[in-house]
Protein backbone atom coordinates (compact mmCIF):
# COMPACT_ATOMS: atom_id res chain seq x y z
CA ALA A 1 -15.71 11.68 4.78
CA SER A 2 -17.47 14.15 2.51
CA GLY A 3 -15.38 13.12 -0.51
CA MET A 4 -16.89 9.65 -0.21
CA GLY A 5 -20.37 11.11 0.19
CA LEU A 6 -20.45 10.23 3.88
CA ALA A 7 -21.90 12.36 6.65
CA MET A 8 -19.80 13.66 9.51
CA SER A 9 -21.69 11.16 11.67
CA ASP A 10 -19.67 8.50 9.79
CA ALA A 11 -16.39 9.92 11.11
CA ALA A 12 -15.82 7.00 13.50
CA ARG A 13 -16.34 4.52 10.65
CA VAL A 14 -13.87 6.44 8.49
CA ALA A 15 -11.31 6.49 11.31
CA ASP A 16 -11.78 2.76 11.93
CA VAL A 17 -11.45 1.82 8.26
CA LEU A 18 -8.39 4.03 7.67
CA ALA A 19 -6.69 2.80 10.85
CA LYS A 20 -7.36 -0.86 10.04
CA ALA A 21 -6.26 -0.41 6.43
CA ALA A 22 -3.06 1.32 7.56
CA SER A 23 -2.27 -1.48 10.01
CA SER A 24 -3.02 -4.13 7.37
CA ALA A 25 -0.97 -2.60 4.55
CA ASN A 26 2.44 -1.06 3.98
CA THR A 27 1.37 2.45 4.96
CA ASP A 28 0.38 4.56 7.94
CA ILE A 29 -2.79 6.43 8.86
CA GLN A 30 -1.44 9.67 7.43
CA GLY A 31 -0.62 8.02 4.11
CA MET A 32 -4.05 6.39 3.97
CA GLY A 33 -5.73 9.70 4.72
CA LEU A 34 -3.72 11.53 2.09
CA ALA A 35 -4.36 8.86 -0.54
CA MET A 36 -8.06 8.83 0.31
CA SER A 37 -8.28 12.61 -0.07
CA TYR A 38 -7.14 12.25 -3.69
CA ALA A 39 -9.16 9.15 -4.56
CA ALA A 40 -12.41 9.70 -2.62
CA PRO A 41 -14.32 11.95 -5.07
CA ASN A 42 -13.76 9.61 -8.03
CA ALA A 43 -14.41 6.53 -5.91
CA HIS A 44 -17.69 8.00 -4.72
CA ALA A 45 -18.69 8.89 -8.29
CA LEU A 46 -18.03 5.28 -9.33
CA GLY A 47 -20.08 3.92 -6.44
CA LEU A 48 -17.17 2.36 -4.56
CA THR A 49 -17.54 2.01 -0.82
CA LEU A 50 -15.10 3.46 1.69
CA GLU A 51 -13.87 -0.06 2.41
CA GLU A 52 -13.35 -0.95 -1.28
CA THR A 53 -11.45 2.28 -1.89
CA ALA A 54 -9.28 1.78 1.19
CA ALA A 55 -8.56 -1.82 0.09
CA TYR A 56 -7.42 -0.67 -3.36
CA ILE A 57 -5.22 2.02 -1.77
CA GLY A 58 -3.85 -0.46 0.78
CA LYS A 59 -2.84 -2.88 -1.95
CA LEU A 60 -1.23 -0.04 -3.94
CA ALA A 61 0.72 0.81 -0.78
CA ASP A 62 1.84 -2.82 -0.52
CA ALA A 63 3.12 -2.47 -4.10
CA GLY A 64 5.18 0.57 -3.14
CA PHE A 65 2.80 3.41 -3.92
CA ASP A 66 2.90 5.68 -0.86
CA GLY A 67 0.29 8.25 0.30
CA SER A 68 -0.19 10.86 -2.38
CA ARG A 69 1.19 8.58 -5.09
CA ALA A 70 -1.37 5.86 -4.26
CA GLY A 71 -4.19 8.42 -4.17
CA THR A 72 -3.11 10.00 -7.43
CA ALA A 73 -2.75 6.60 -9.12
CA MET A 74 -6.23 5.55 -8.01
CA ALA A 75 -7.73 8.91 -8.95
CA THR A 76 -6.12 8.71 -12.40
CA MET A 77 -7.29 5.16 -13.00
CA MET A 78 -10.83 5.93 -11.83
CA SER A 79 -10.98 9.21 -13.75
CA GLN A 80 -9.90 7.43 -16.93
CA PHE A 81 -12.52 4.76 -16.28
CA GLN A 82 -15.28 7.36 -15.81
CA ASN A 83 -14.62 8.88 -19.24
CA PRO A 84 -16.08 6.61 -21.96
CA ALA A 85 -13.87 8.33 -24.55
CA SER A 86 -10.62 7.87 -22.59
CA THR A 87 -7.70 5.80 -23.76
CA PHE A 88 -8.22 3.44 -20.82
CA ARG A 89 -11.85 2.76 -21.77
CA ARG A 90 -10.88 2.26 -25.43
CA GLU A 91 -8.14 -0.15 -24.31
CA LEU A 92 -10.65 -2.05 -22.17
CA ALA A 93 -13.16 -2.20 -25.04
CA SER A 94 -10.46 -3.50 -27.41
CA ILE A 95 -10.13 -6.61 -25.25
CA GLY A 96 -13.89 -7.01 -24.78
CA ILE A 97 -14.40 -5.30 -21.41
CA ARG A 98 -17.39 -3.00 -21.64
CA THR A 99 -18.81 -2.90 -18.11
CA ASN A 100 -19.48 0.39 -16.34
CA ASP A 101 -18.67 -1.21 -12.97
CA PHE A 102 -15.11 -0.26 -12.00
CA SER A 103 -14.45 -3.27 -9.75
CA GLN A 104 -15.89 -5.64 -12.35
CA ALA A 105 -13.68 -4.10 -15.04
CA ILE A 106 -10.59 -4.56 -12.84
CA ARG A 107 -11.54 -8.22 -12.25
CA GLU A 108 -12.18 -8.87 -15.94
CA LEU A 109 -8.92 -7.21 -16.86
CA ALA A 110 -6.99 -9.24 -14.29
CA ALA A 111 -8.57 -12.39 -15.72
CA THR A 112 -7.27 -11.61 -19.22
CA GLY A 113 -3.75 -12.39 -18.08
CA PRO A 114 -0.57 -10.83 -19.42
CA LYS A 115 -1.85 -10.44 -23.01
CA GLY A 116 -4.88 -8.37 -22.01
CA GLN A 117 -2.94 -6.48 -19.37
CA ALA A 118 -0.32 -5.54 -21.98
CA ALA A 119 -3.10 -3.74 -23.87
CA ILE A 120 -3.39 -1.22 -21.06
CA GLY A 121 -1.19 1.79 -21.71
CA GLU A 122 0.44 4.32 -19.45
CA ALA A 123 -2.64 6.28 -18.39
CA ALA A 124 -3.94 3.64 -15.99
CA GLY A 125 -1.37 0.91 -16.52
CA PRO A 126 1.04 1.34 -13.59
CA ALA A 127 -1.68 1.37 -10.93
CA PHE A 128 -3.53 -1.47 -12.55
CA ARG A 129 -0.40 -3.62 -12.87
CA ALA A 130 0.40 -2.91 -9.22
CA LEU A 131 -3.07 -4.07 -8.15
CA VAL A 132 -2.89 -7.20 -10.29
CA GLY A 133 0.60 -7.86 -8.93
CA GLN A 134 -0.87 -7.91 -5.43
CA GLY A 135 -3.67 -10.19 -6.62
CA ILE A 136 -7.35 -9.38 -6.85
CA GLU A 137 -7.89 -11.94 -4.07
CA ALA A 138 -5.66 -9.83 -1.79
CA VAL A 139 -7.79 -6.77 -2.53
CA ASP A 140 -10.93 -8.78 -1.71
CA GLU A 141 -9.36 -10.11 1.48
CA LEU A 142 -8.46 -6.61 2.69
CA ASN A 143 -11.90 -5.30 1.68
CA ASN A 144 -13.57 -8.03 3.75
CA LYS A 145 -11.27 -7.27 6.69
CA LEU A 146 -12.20 -3.58 6.50
CA LYS A 147 -15.92 -4.36 6.59
CA ASP A 148 -15.28 -5.49 10.16
CA ALA A 149 -13.32 -2.44 11.35
CA THR A 150 -15.79 -1.11 13.94
CA GLY A 151 -13.92 0.15 16.99
CA PHE A 152 -10.50 -0.53 15.51
CA ALA A 153 -9.13 3.02 15.83
CA VAL A 154 -10.09 3.30 19.51
CA ASN A 155 -8.71 -0.16 20.30
CA GLN A 156 -5.50 0.60 18.46
CA ALA A 157 -5.11 3.89 20.30
CA LYS A 158 -5.65 2.08 23.63
CA GLU A 159 -3.00 -0.51 22.74
CA MET A 160 -0.51 2.22 21.83
CA GLY A 161 -1.51 4.30 24.86
CA ASP A 162 1.18 3.88 27.48
CA ASN A 163 3.75 2.25 25.25
CA VAL A 164 3.93 4.97 22.63
CA GLY A 165 2.63 8.24 24.07
CA GLY A 166 2.82 10.21 20.84
CA ALA A 167 1.17 7.56 18.67
CA PHE A 168 -2.37 8.56 19.59
CA ALA A 169 -1.56 12.22 19.04
CA GLU A 170 -0.19 11.30 15.60
CA LEU A 171 -3.36 9.37 14.78
CA GLU A 172 -5.51 12.28 15.91
CA SER A 173 -3.42 14.75 13.94
CA ALA A 174 -3.63 12.65 10.78
CA TRP A 175 -7.40 12.29 11.23
CA ASP A 176 -7.74 16.08 11.63
CA ALA A 177 -5.80 16.55 8.40
CA VAL A 178 -8.10 14.11 6.58
CA LYS A 179 -11.23 15.83 7.90
CA LEU A 180 -9.93 19.22 6.77
CA LYS A 181 -8.92 17.95 3.33
CA LEU A 182 -12.25 16.23 2.71
CA ALA A 183 -14.51 18.85 4.28
CA THR A 184 -12.89 22.04 2.93
CA PRO A 185 -14.39 21.79 -0.60
CA ILE A 186 -17.87 21.59 0.90
CA LEU A 187 -17.44 24.10 3.70
CA GLU A 188 -15.87 26.88 1.61
CA PRO A 189 -19.06 27.68 -0.36
CA LEU A 190 -21.10 27.58 2.85
CA LYS A 191 -18.89 30.22 4.46
CA LYS A 192 -19.68 32.72 1.69
């Protein structure tokens, strides 16, 4: 939660969004948590919401990018976008895309079609092509779905309850791992 600039009081929202994203994409809660731990700091710096970030990661998962690979791909693409001198930003500028809004840049790039997309090199290219392959509309659809995730994790745990005894424990374990991964960078300096 801290990587996205959220307070610990937002933990239920984070759990709901990650659980709903995992159930709506080709990944699991652990993969979503791992990917989010890599992508969250850059996403937060770019002003993306938790839901937008989870939607991008979910669509990367649908394209075959699992856990850490999806998080690394998103982090790389966002990091390249943040740097005005990066190859990615120069490639965007060469086809007339000069916005500082990450989501807008992705939309404009998708709209350029194959010619514009071919201008994007290897730094951000694979993740971008995977997102475009899923369709920007699919990212939007998942994002909208995730905006209505309140209570999803608890409901999902209840549904799994008696049928799959270990499923809730797995969800809880994955959530604990996400909390540790996101909170550790902030808590370490406070311990000293």
